Amino acid sequence: MMRASVLLAGLCSLAGCGFDVTQFGGRDYTEHHGVLVVDGTPLPNKRWVAVDVPVGTGSLELGSATADIVLSGSPDGASHLEVQLFSELEGDGAVKVDGGKLVLSSAANRLVIVNGARGTLARGMKLELQSGTGDLRLEGLPELSEVRLDDGTGDVRLTQCATGDVVVVTGTGEVHLDGLKGGKLDVKTGTGDIALASCSVSMMKLESGTGDVTLSECTSTRTDVKSGTGDVTLDGQNVLGTTSYDLGTGKVGNR
């Protein structure tokens, strides 16, 4: 899967040429009069489709070029996933989960694209999400084995989630983590701010090119913060263990 840094480079280069195009997954996405256009092909038909996630599925990979991905914990212990399907022909297109990945098909052999996802997930899932310009939001997921989130310009938000190791990479998008309980946390942004509140992790590594970093009531045995020009703000009572700050022109302050 393409990483957010690559996506951002594509977005910036195209914007500089005067095109409003998102490059994602090897395709060009744009919109014309409210219609999604992919590689020059209009996809005027869209609908939400339920996708069966087989019991015992241990990992899930989802990607969305411009629309949000929003997932939460399941109240009944089972996964219930919906994706937004765009197609050339009305009603065309089907999608299934195979080996933790989405597999698309078209009865008419025409272009079908997933752009957007929502739903609830079972416990114990390894999750990998990617977006070009949409937000990635996880809420109330009590037991994920591992999480990786890549976003170009959209924001990343995790609220009251518990997981193993977490990796978050964004280009210009902000990262907001509230109530995260987990193992190692690795966050990297280009220009986006990083804000953590009431998080408890074994180790954290936070890096931003120009964004600010805010830690509020967080706990870690080791904390490494790096920023080119952004400031670091420590809010409330943080227990950060062995701490290292590598700042360019930014400064560390308390409030």
C-alpha atoms as a PDB file:
ATOM      1  CA  MET A   1       0.000   0.000   0.000  1.00  0.00           C
ATOM      2  CA  MET A   2       1.235   3.518  -0.757  1.00  0.00           C
ATOM      3  CA  ARG A   3       2.287   5.489   2.271  1.00  0.00           C
ATOM      4  CA  ALA A   4       1.005   8.941   3.211  1.00  0.00           C
ATOM      5  CA  SER A   5       4.291  10.673   2.388  1.00  0.00           C
ATOM      6  CA  VAL A   6       4.047   9.440  -1.204  1.00  0.00           C
ATOM      7  CA  LEU A   7       0.413  10.464  -1.398  1.00  0.00           C
ATOM      8  CA  LEU A   8       1.192  13.948  -0.140  1.00  0.00           C
ATOM      9  CA  ALA A   9       3.922  14.429  -2.722  1.00  0.00           C
ATOM     10  CA  GLY A  10       1.471  13.516  -5.461  1.00  0.00           C
ATOM     11  CA  LEU A  11      -1.180  15.839  -4.078  1.00  0.00           C
ATOM     12  CA  CYS A  12       1.183  18.791  -3.857  1.00  0.00           C
ATOM     13  CA  SER A  13       2.690  18.344  -7.307  1.00  0.00           C
ATOM     14  CA  LEU A  14      -0.707  18.144  -8.972  1.00  0.00           C
ATOM     15  CA  ALA A  15      -2.105  21.085  -7.021  1.00  0.00           C
ATOM     16  CA  GLY A  16       0.861  23.125  -8.173  1.00  0.00           C
ATOM     17  CA  CYS A  17      -0.059  22.378 -11.767  1.00  0.00           C
ATOM     18  CA  GLY A  18      -3.577  23.722 -11.236  1.00  0.00           C
ATOM     19  CA  PHE A  19      -5.393  20.367 -10.985  1.00  0.00           C
ATOM     20  CA  ASP A  20      -7.581  19.291  -8.098  1.00  0.00           C
ATOM     21  CA  VAL A  21      -6.520  15.657  -8.255  1.00  0.00           C
ATOM     22  CA  THR A  22      -5.884  13.113  -5.531  1.00  0.00           C
ATOM     23  CA  GLN A  23      -3.490  10.297  -6.373  1.00  0.00           C
ATOM     24  CA  PHE A  24      -4.291   7.150  -4.460  1.00  0.00           C
ATOM     25  CA  GLY A  25      -3.489   3.505  -5.045  1.00  0.00           C
ATOM     26  CA  GLY A  26      -2.041   4.217  -8.464  1.00  0.00           C
ATOM     27  CA  ARG A  27      -5.166   6.039  -9.672  1.00  0.00           C
ATOM     28  CA  ASP A  28      -6.137   9.702 -10.148  1.00  0.00           C
ATOM     29  CA  TYR A  29      -9.278  10.863  -8.326  1.00  0.00           C
ATOM     30  CA  THR A  30     -11.129  14.102  -9.007  1.00  0.00           C
ATOM     31  CA  GLU A  31     -14.690  15.412  -8.947  1.00  0.00           C
ATOM     32  CA  HIS A  32     -16.680  17.000 -11.753  1.00  0.00           C
ATOM     33  CA  HIS A  33     -20.093  18.549 -11.025  1.00  0.00           C
ATOM     34  CA  GLY A  34     -20.405  16.386  -7.917  1.00  0.00           C
ATOM     35  CA  VAL A  35     -19.478  13.154  -9.700  1.00  0.00           C
ATOM     36  CA  LEU A  36     -16.400  11.163  -8.707  1.00  0.00           C
ATOM     37  CA  VAL A  37     -14.042  10.700 -11.646  1.00  0.00           C
ATOM     38  CA  VAL A  38     -11.309   8.049 -11.484  1.00  0.00           C
ATOM     39  CA  ASP A  39      -8.626   7.912 -14.182  1.00  0.00           C
ATOM     40  CA  GLY A  40     -10.908   9.988 -16.397  1.00  0.00           C
ATOM     41  CA  THR A  41     -13.910   7.665 -15.947  1.00  0.00           C
ATOM     42  CA  PRO A  42     -17.028   9.191 -14.322  1.00  0.00           C
ATOM     43  CA  LEU A  43     -18.617   7.069 -11.590  1.00  0.00           C
ATOM     44  CA  PRO A  44     -22.063   8.653 -11.147  1.00  0.00           C
ATOM     45  CA  ASN A  45     -23.568   5.845  -9.070  1.00  0.00           C
ATOM     46  CA  LYS A  46     -22.802   5.394  -5.395  1.00  0.00           C
ATOM     47  CA  ARG A  47     -24.309   3.314  -2.626  1.00  0.00           C
ATOM     48  CA  TRP A  48     -23.415   1.873   0.761  1.00  0.00           C
ATOM     49  CA  VAL A  49     -22.896  -1.885   0.646  1.00  0.00           C
ATOM     50  CA  ALA A  50     -22.717  -4.278   3.601  1.00  0.00           C
ATOM     51  CA  VAL A  51     -19.594  -6.425   3.542  1.00  0.00           C
ATOM     52  CA  ASP A  52     -19.397  -9.753   5.334  1.00  0.00           C
ATOM     53  CA  VAL A  53     -16.293 -10.045   7.523  1.00  0.00           C
ATOM     54  CA  PRO A  54     -15.818 -13.780   8.155  1.00  0.00           C
ATOM     55  CA  VAL A  55     -15.635 -14.877  11.782  1.00  0.00           C
ATOM     56  CA  GLY A  56     -12.014 -15.350  12.761  1.00  0.00           C
ATOM     57  CA  THR A  57     -10.679 -12.671  10.413  1.00  0.00           C
ATOM     58  CA  GLY A  58      -7.518 -11.528  12.143  1.00  0.00           C
ATOM     59  CA  SER A  59      -6.594  -8.508  10.042  1.00  0.00           C
ATOM     60  CA  LEU A  60      -8.295  -5.898   7.909  1.00  0.00           C
ATOM     61  CA  GLU A  61      -6.899  -3.461   5.345  1.00  0.00           C
ATOM     62  CA  LEU A  62      -9.057  -0.581   4.100  1.00  0.00           C
ATOM     63  CA  GLY A  63      -8.249   2.306   1.783  1.00  0.00           C
ATOM     64  CA  SER A  64     -10.233   5.377   0.756  1.00  0.00           C
ATOM     65  CA  ALA A  65      -9.047   8.136  -1.561  1.00  0.00           C
ATOM     66  CA  THR A  66     -11.200  11.089  -0.477  1.00  0.00           C
ATOM     67  CA  ALA A  67     -13.961   9.879   1.864  1.00  0.00           C
ATOM     68  CA  ASP A  68     -13.681   9.165   5.599  1.00  0.00           C
ATOM     69  CA  ILE A  69     -13.190   5.794   7.252  1.00  0.00           C
ATOM     70  CA  VAL A  70     -15.035   5.627  10.595  1.00  0.00           C
ATOM     71  CA  LEU A  71     -14.913   2.492  12.773  1.00  0.00           C
ATOM     72  CA  SER A  72     -15.991   1.733  16.320  1.00  0.00           C
ATOM     73  CA  GLY A  73     -16.243  -1.172  18.731  1.00  0.00           C
ATOM     74  CA  SER A  74     -18.911  -3.794  18.180  1.00  0.00           C
ATOM     75  CA  PRO A  75     -21.694  -4.053  20.778  1.00  0.00           C
ATOM     76  CA  ASP A  76     -22.383  -7.707  19.889  1.00  0.00           C
ATOM     77  CA  GLY A  77     -18.780  -8.860  19.389  1.00  0.00           C
ATOM     78  CA  ALA A  78     -19.080  -9.305  15.621  1.00  0.00           C
ATOM     79  CA  SER A  79     -17.775  -7.142  12.800  1.00  0.00           C
ATOM     80  CA  HIS A  80     -20.302  -5.161  10.762  1.00  0.00           C
ATOM     81  CA  LEU A  81     -18.695  -3.322   7.870  1.00  0.00           C
ATOM     82  CA  GLU A  82     -20.132  -1.099   5.147  1.00  0.00           C
ATOM     83  CA  VAL A  83     -18.227   0.471   2.259  1.00  0.00           C
ATOM     84  CA  GLN A  84     -19.265   3.203  -0.140  1.00  0.00           C
ATOM     85  CA  LEU A  85     -19.186   1.761  -3.638  1.00  0.00           C
ATOM     86  CA  PHE A  86     -18.860   3.954  -6.736  1.00  0.00           C
ATOM     87  CA  SER A  87     -19.646   2.498 -10.168  1.00  0.00           C
ATOM     88  CA  GLU A  88     -20.186   3.401 -13.811  1.00  0.00           C
ATOM     89  CA  LEU A  89     -23.485   1.506 -13.960  1.00  0.00           C
ATOM     90  CA  GLU A  90     -26.295   1.682 -11.428  1.00  0.00           C
ATOM     91  CA  GLY A  91     -26.325  -1.303  -9.074  1.00  0.00           C
ATOM     92  CA  ASP A  92     -23.118  -2.756 -10.477  1.00  0.00           C
ATOM     93  CA  GLY A  93     -20.302  -3.973  -8.278  1.00  0.00           C
ATOM     94  CA  ALA A  94     -19.765  -6.384  -5.408  1.00  0.00           C
ATOM     95  CA  VAL A  95     -17.190  -6.529  -2.640  1.00  0.00           C
ATOM     96  CA  LYS A  96     -15.984  -9.183  -0.220  1.00  0.00           C
ATOM     97  CA  VAL A  97     -13.231  -9.663   2.347  1.00  0.00           C
ATOM     98  CA  ASP A  98     -10.603 -12.229   1.397  1.00  0.00           C
ATOM     99  CA  GLY A  99      -7.475 -12.641   3.492  1.00  0.00           C
ATOM    100  CA  GLY A 100      -8.193  -9.387   5.310  1.00  0.00           C
ATOM    101  CA  LYS A 101      -8.365  -7.350   2.089  1.00  0.00           C
ATOM    102  CA  LEU A 102     -11.289  -6.039   0.061  1.00  0.00           C
ATOM    103  CA  VAL A 103     -11.864  -7.739  -3.280  1.00  0.00           C
ATOM    104  CA  LEU A 104     -14.011  -5.911  -5.843  1.00  0.00           C
ATOM    105  CA  SER A 105     -15.827  -7.339  -8.834  1.00  0.00           C
ATOM    106  CA  SER A 106     -18.099  -6.043 -11.596  1.00  0.00           C
ATOM    107  CA  ALA A 107     -20.719  -8.125 -13.400  1.00  0.00           C
ATOM    108  CA  ALA A 108     -20.451  -5.735 -16.357  1.00  0.00           C
ATOM    109  CA  ASN A 109     -16.630  -5.688 -16.312  1.00  0.00           C
ATOM    110  CA  ARG A 110     -16.687  -1.960 -15.648  1.00  0.00           C
ATOM    111  CA  LEU A 111     -14.855   0.229 -13.144  1.00  0.00           C
ATOM    112  CA  VAL A 112     -15.917  -0.125  -9.500  1.00  0.00           C
ATOM    113  CA  ILE A 113     -14.215   1.744  -6.634  1.00  0.00           C
ATOM    114  CA  VAL A 114     -14.489   1.785  -2.838  1.00  0.00           C
ATOM    115  CA  ASN A 115     -14.304   5.287  -1.378  1.00  0.00           C
ATOM    116  CA  GLY A 116     -15.384   5.465   2.249  1.00  0.00           C
ATOM    117  CA  ALA A 117     -16.049   2.892   4.967  1.00  0.00           C
ATOM    118  CA  ARG A 118     -17.909   2.681   8.271  1.00  0.00           C
ATOM    119  CA  GLY A 119     -18.906   0.066  10.792  1.00  0.00           C
ATOM    120  CA  THR A 120     -18.004  -1.844  13.944  1.00  0.00           C
ATOM    121  CA  LEU A 121     -15.206  -4.326  14.503  1.00  0.00           C
ATOM    122  CA  ALA A 122     -14.719  -7.449  16.602  1.00  0.00           C
ATOM    123  CA  ARG A 123     -11.949  -7.663  19.183  1.00  0.00           C
ATOM    124  CA  GLY A 124      -8.416  -8.727  18.397  1.00  0.00           C
ATOM    125  CA  MET A 125      -8.202  -7.272  14.895  1.00  0.00           C
ATOM    126  CA  LYS A 126      -5.011  -6.063  13.255  1.00  0.00           C
ATOM    127  CA  LEU A 127      -6.004  -2.919  11.413  1.00  0.00           C
ATOM    128  CA  GLU A 128      -4.371  -1.034   8.547  1.00  0.00           C
ATOM    129  CA  LEU A 129      -6.160   2.026   7.176  1.00  0.00           C
ATOM    130  CA  GLN A 130      -5.101   4.445   4.467  1.00  0.00           C
ATOM    131  CA  SER A 131      -6.634   7.628   3.071  1.00  0.00           C
ATOM    132  CA  GLY A 132      -5.602  10.343   0.668  1.00  0.00           C
ATOM    133  CA  THR A 133      -7.652  13.325   1.863  1.00  0.00           C
ATOM    134  CA  GLY A 134     -10.376  11.821   4.076  1.00  0.00           C
ATOM    135  CA  ASP A 135     -10.258  11.465   7.857  1.00  0.00           C
ATOM    136  CA  LEU A 136      -9.473   8.225   9.688  1.00  0.00           C
ATOM    137  CA  ARG A 137     -11.499   7.863  12.912  1.00  0.00           C
ATOM    138  CA  LEU A 138     -11.517   5.030  15.433  1.00  0.00           C
ATOM    139  CA  GLU A 139     -13.671   5.113  18.549  1.00  0.00           C
ATOM    140  CA  GLY A 140     -14.327   2.710  21.404  1.00  0.00           C
ATOM    141  CA  LEU A 141     -12.316  -0.192  20.037  1.00  0.00           C
ATOM    142  CA  PRO A 142     -11.330  -2.026  23.237  1.00  0.00           C
ATOM    143  CA  GLU A 143      -8.934  -4.656  21.917  1.00  0.00           C
ATOM    144  CA  LEU A 144      -6.984  -4.290  18.664  1.00  0.00           C
ATOM    145  CA  SER A 145      -3.818  -6.320  18.175  1.00  0.00           C
ATOM    146  CA  GLU A 146      -2.012  -3.709  16.068  1.00  0.00           C
ATOM    147  CA  VAL A 147      -2.877  -0.508  14.190  1.00  0.00           C
ATOM    148  CA  ARG A 148      -1.292   1.387  11.301  1.00  0.00           C
ATOM    149  CA  LEU A 149      -2.925   4.549   9.955  1.00  0.00           C
ATOM    150  CA  ASP A 150      -1.619   6.451   6.911  1.00  0.00           C
ATOM    151  CA  ASP A 151      -3.241   9.702   5.795  1.00  0.00           C
ATOM    152  CA  GLY A 152      -2.187  12.354   3.306  1.00  0.00           C
ATOM    153  CA  THR A 153      -4.108  15.517   4.214  1.00  0.00           C
ATOM    154  CA  GLY A 154      -6.959  14.187   6.356  1.00  0.00           C
ATOM    155  CA  ASP A 155      -6.959  14.095  10.168  1.00  0.00           C
ATOM    156  CA  VAL A 156      -6.492  10.981  12.308  1.00  0.00           C
ATOM    157  CA  ARG A 157      -8.540  10.589  15.496  1.00  0.00           C
ATOM    158  CA  LEU A 158      -8.475   7.724  17.999  1.00  0.00           C
ATOM    159  CA  THR A 159     -10.813   7.918  20.966  1.00  0.00           C
ATOM    160  CA  GLN A 160     -10.925   5.430  23.849  1.00  0.00           C
ATOM    161  CA  CYS A 161      -9.145   2.628  22.024  1.00  0.00           C
ATOM    162  CA  ALA A 162      -6.920  -0.146  23.384  1.00  0.00           C
ATOM    163  CA  THR A 163      -4.399  -1.843  21.168  1.00  0.00           C
ATOM    164  CA  GLY A 164      -0.909  -3.207  20.780  1.00  0.00           C
ATOM    165  CA  ASP A 165       1.568  -1.131  18.822  1.00  0.00           C
ATOM    166  CA  VAL A 166       0.258   1.913  16.929  1.00  0.00           C
ATOM    167  CA  VAL A 167       1.818   3.688  13.951  1.00  0.00           C
ATOM    168  CA  VAL A 168       0.310   6.909  12.591  1.00  0.00           C
ATOM    169  CA  VAL A 169       1.699   8.776   9.578  1.00  0.00           C
ATOM    170  CA  THR A 170       0.186  11.918   8.049  1.00  0.00           C
ATOM    171  CA  GLY A 171       1.298  14.587   5.638  1.00  0.00           C
ATOM    172  CA  THR A 172      -0.597  17.743   6.592  1.00  0.00           C
ATOM    173  CA  GLY A 173      -3.339  16.140   8.665  1.00  0.00           C
ATOM    174  CA  GLU A 174      -3.567  16.512  12.432  1.00  0.00           C
ATOM    175  CA  VAL A 175      -3.353  13.603  14.864  1.00  0.00           C
ATOM    176  CA  HIS A 176      -5.628  13.511  17.932  1.00  0.00           C
ATOM    177  CA  LEU A 177      -5.356  10.583  20.359  1.00  0.00           C
ATOM    178  CA  ASP A 178      -7.647  10.572  23.399  1.00  0.00           C
ATOM    179  CA  GLY A 179      -7.713   7.779  25.955  1.00  0.00           C
ATOM    180  CA  LEU A 180      -5.441   5.445  23.992  1.00  0.00           C
ATOM    181  CA  LYS A 181      -4.138   2.410  25.888  1.00  0.00           C
ATOM    182  CA  GLY A 182      -1.442   0.532  24.035  1.00  0.00           C
ATOM    183  CA  GLY A 183       2.097  -0.660  23.464  1.00  0.00           C
ATOM    184  CA  LYS A 184       4.574   1.303  21.393  1.00  0.00           C
ATOM    185  CA  LEU A 185       3.242   4.483  19.799  1.00  0.00           C
ATOM    186  CA  ASP A 186       4.937   5.997  16.754  1.00  0.00           C
ATOM    187  CA  VAL A 187       3.464   9.188  15.255  1.00  0.00           C
ATOM    188  CA  LYS A 188       4.937  11.166  12.385  1.00  0.00           C
ATOM    189  CA  THR A 189       3.440  14.202  10.638  1.00  0.00           C
ATOM    190  CA  GLY A 190       4.720  16.624   8.054  1.00  0.00           C
ATOM    191  CA  THR A 191       2.965  19.841   9.075  1.00  0.00           C
ATOM    192  CA  GLY A 192       0.076  18.574  11.187  1.00  0.00           C
ATOM    193  CA  ASP A 193      -0.192  19.061  14.946  1.00  0.00           C
ATOM    194  CA  ILE A 194      -0.046  16.106  17.341  1.00  0.00           C
ATOM    195  CA  ALA A 195      -2.272  16.100  20.449  1.00  0.00           C
ATOM    196  CA  LEU A 196      -2.421  13.313  23.037  1.00  0.00           C
ATOM    197  CA  ALA A 197      -4.763  13.302  26.034  1.00  0.00           C
ATOM    198  CA  SER A 198      -5.095  10.677  28.783  1.00  0.00           C
ATOM    199  CA  CYS A 199      -2.998   8.190  26.838  1.00  0.00           C
ATOM    200  CA  SER A 200      -1.100   5.334  28.489  1.00  0.00           C
ATOM    201  CA  VAL A 201       1.462   3.511  26.331  1.00  0.00           C
ATOM    202  CA  SER A 202       4.686   1.622  26.924  1.00  0.00           C
ATOM    203  CA  MET A 203       6.771   3.954  24.731  1.00  0.00           C
ATOM    204  CA  MET A 204       6.039   6.904  22.485  1.00  0.00           C
ATOM    205  CA  LYS A 205       7.924   8.483  19.603  1.00  0.00           C
ATOM    206  CA  LEU A 206       6.400  11.688  18.238  1.00  0.00           C
ATOM    207  CA  GLU A 207       7.797  13.573  15.265  1.00  0.00           C
ATOM    208  CA  SER A 208       6.487  16.588  13.352  1.00  0.00           C
ATOM    209  CA  GLY A 209       8.129  18.777  10.765  1.00  0.00           C
ATOM    210  CA  THR A 210       6.403  22.063  11.606  1.00  0.00           C
ATOM    211  CA  GLY A 211       3.446  21.040  13.785  1.00  0.00           C
ATOM    212  CA  ASP A 212       3.041  21.550  17.529  1.00  0.00           C
ATOM    213  CA  VAL A 213       2.946  18.651  20.000  1.00  0.00           C
ATOM    214  CA  THR A 214       0.667  18.656  23.062  1.00  0.00           C
ATOM    215  CA  LEU A 215       0.712  16.038  25.826  1.00  0.00           C
ATOM    216  CA  SER A 216      -2.032  16.114  28.452  1.00  0.00           C
ATOM    217  CA  GLU A 217      -2.205  13.637  31.358  1.00  0.00           C
ATOM    218  CA  CYS A 218      -0.218  10.970  29.500  1.00  0.00           C
ATOM    219  CA  THR A 219       1.850   8.042  30.771  1.00  0.00           C
ATOM    220  CA  SER A 220       4.830   6.325  29.141  1.00  0.00           C
ATOM    221  CA  THR A 221       8.084   4.674  30.212  1.00  0.00           C
ATOM    222  CA  ARG A 222       9.992   6.437  27.428  1.00  0.00           C
ATOM    223  CA  THR A 223       9.092   9.528  25.391  1.00  0.00           C
ATOM    224  CA  ASP A 224      10.953  10.880  22.364  1.00  0.00           C
ATOM    225  CA  VAL A 225       9.695  14.095  20.753  1.00  0.00           C
ATOM    226  CA  LYS A 226      11.168  15.647  17.615  1.00  0.00           C
ATOM    227  CA  SER A 227       9.975  18.783  15.825  1.00  0.00           C
ATOM    228  CA  GLY A 228      11.522  21.149  13.340  1.00  0.00           C
ATOM    229  CA  THR A 229       9.741  24.380  14.211  1.00  0.00           C
ATOM    230  CA  GLY A 230       6.802  23.330  16.385  1.00  0.00           C
ATOM    231  CA  ASP A 231       6.460  23.812  20.148  1.00  0.00           C
ATOM    232  CA  VAL A 232       5.888  21.112  22.769  1.00  0.00           C
ATOM    233  CA  THR A 233       3.253  21.792  25.434  1.00  0.00           C
ATOM    234  CA  LEU A 234       2.926  19.681  28.589  1.00  0.00           C
ATOM    235  CA  ASP A 235      -0.558  20.044  30.058  1.00  0.00           C
ATOM    236  CA  GLY A 236      -1.454  18.732  33.502  1.00  0.00           C
ATOM    237  CA  GLN A 237       0.307  15.789  35.120  1.00  0.00           C
ATOM    238  CA  ASN A 238       2.308  13.737  32.613  1.00  0.00           C
ATOM    239  CA  VAL A 239       4.483  10.759  33.576  1.00  0.00           C
ATOM    240  CA  LEU A 240       6.723  10.386  30.555  1.00  0.00           C
ATOM    241  CA  GLY A 241       9.605   8.244  31.832  1.00  0.00           C
ATOM    242  CA  THR A 242      12.955   8.737  30.120  1.00  0.00           C
ATOM    243  CA  THR A 243      12.370  11.804  27.964  1.00  0.00           C
ATOM    244  CA  SER A 244      14.191  13.234  24.961  1.00  0.00           C
ATOM    245  CA  TYR A 245      13.377  16.450  23.068  1.00  0.00           C
ATOM    246  CA  ASP A 246      14.978  17.167  19.703  1.00  0.00           C
ATOM    247  CA  LEU A 247      13.670  20.589  18.670  1.00  0.00           C
ATOM    248  CA  GLY A 248      14.756  22.981  15.974  1.00  0.00           C
ATOM    249  CA  THR A 249      13.325  26.403  16.751  1.00  0.00           C
ATOM    250  CA  GLY A 250      10.484  25.192  18.978  1.00  0.00           C
ATOM    251  CA  LYS A 251      10.416  25.185  22.765  1.00  0.00           C
ATOM    252  CA  VAL A 252       9.000  23.097  25.613  1.00  0.00           C
ATOM    253  CA  GLY A 253       6.450  24.719  27.924  1.00  0.00           C
ATOM    254  CA  ASN A 254       3.960  23.827  30.678  1.00  0.00           C
ATOM    255  CA  ARG A 255       0.411  24.969  31.237  1.00  0.00           C
END
